[in-house]
Each structure stands twice: as C-alpha cells, then as structure tokens.
C-alpha cells in the first residue's frame, strides 16, 4: 500500500544516488558493493517506515 507521505522506492533510490553524487566522486572512493549496501539499507528503512504507518 502506497502512502502519499512517502516517495516511491524508485524516487527514493533516485534521490539517494543524487545525494551520493553530490557528496563528491563517490564512484571513485566507494566500491559499488558499498554503494549497493547503503542503497539497500535506505530502501529497507523506507519500507519499514511505510509498514509502521
């Protein structure tokens, strides 16, 4: 069930990647696996938050 207060998972992922890019040359300093872990954690937190409503 989608809630208007929460962005979609796709939008959350897009915002997360924009934040990583804004932080600097993240692709050179972080291995992709670490980026994936951070993204997965952000998505998991988003889903957990939505389920608690």
Protein backbone atom coordinates (compact mmCIF):
# COMPACT_ATOMS: atom_id res chain seq x y z
CA UNK A 1 0.00 0.00 0.00
CA UNK A 2 1.41 3.37 -1.03
CA UNK A 3 1.14 6.40 1.21
CA UNK A 4 1.22 9.93 -0.18
CA UNK A 5 3.68 10.95 2.56
CA UNK A 6 6.30 8.52 1.29
CA UNK A 7 8.16 8.73 -2.01
CA UNK A 8 8.11 5.61 -4.17
CA UNK A 9 11.05 3.22 -3.92
CA UNK A 10 12.21 4.38 -7.36
CA UNK A 11 12.11 8.02 -6.28
CA UNK A 12 13.93 7.20 -3.05
CA UNK A 13 16.65 5.39 -4.99
CA UNK A 14 16.97 8.31 -7.43
CA UNK A 15 17.27 10.83 -4.56
CA UNK A 16 19.79 8.60 -2.78
CA UNK A 17 22.01 8.37 -5.86
CA UNK A 18 21.78 12.13 -6.41
CA UNK A 19 22.91 12.65 -2.80
CA UNK A 20 25.85 10.29 -3.31
CA UNK A 21 26.85 12.12 -6.49
CA UNK A 22 26.54 15.49 -4.72
CA UNK A 23 28.88 14.23 -1.98
CA UNK A 24 31.74 14.11 -4.48
CA UNK A 25 33.48 11.47 -6.52
CA UNK A 26 31.73 8.63 -4.73
CA UNK A 27 32.22 6.23 -7.62
CA UNK A 28 36.00 6.52 -7.25
CA UNK A 29 36.06 6.41 -3.45
CA UNK A 30 33.40 3.78 -2.75
CA UNK A 31 33.32 0.28 -4.20
CA UNK A 32 29.97 -0.49 -5.87
CA UNK A 33 29.23 -3.13 -3.25
CA UNK A 34 29.32 -0.46 -0.53
CA UNK A 35 27.06 1.81 -2.58
CA UNK A 36 24.65 -1.11 -3.02
CA UNK A 37 24.65 -1.80 0.74
CA UNK A 38 23.88 1.85 1.51
CA UNK A 39 21.11 1.90 -1.10
CA UNK A 40 19.63 -1.36 0.17
CA UNK A 41 19.68 -0.05 3.74
CA UNK A 42 17.95 3.17 2.67
CA UNK A 43 15.28 1.20 0.82
CA UNK A 44 14.82 -1.18 3.75
CA UNK A 45 14.40 1.75 6.15
CA UNK A 46 11.91 3.34 3.76
CA UNK A 47 9.86 0.13 3.53
CA UNK A 48 10.00 -0.45 7.31
CA UNK A 49 8.81 3.11 7.91
CA UNK A 50 5.92 2.70 5.49
CA UNK A 51 4.85 -0.57 7.09
CA UNK A 52 4.70 1.02 10.54
CA UNK A 53 2.02 3.55 9.50
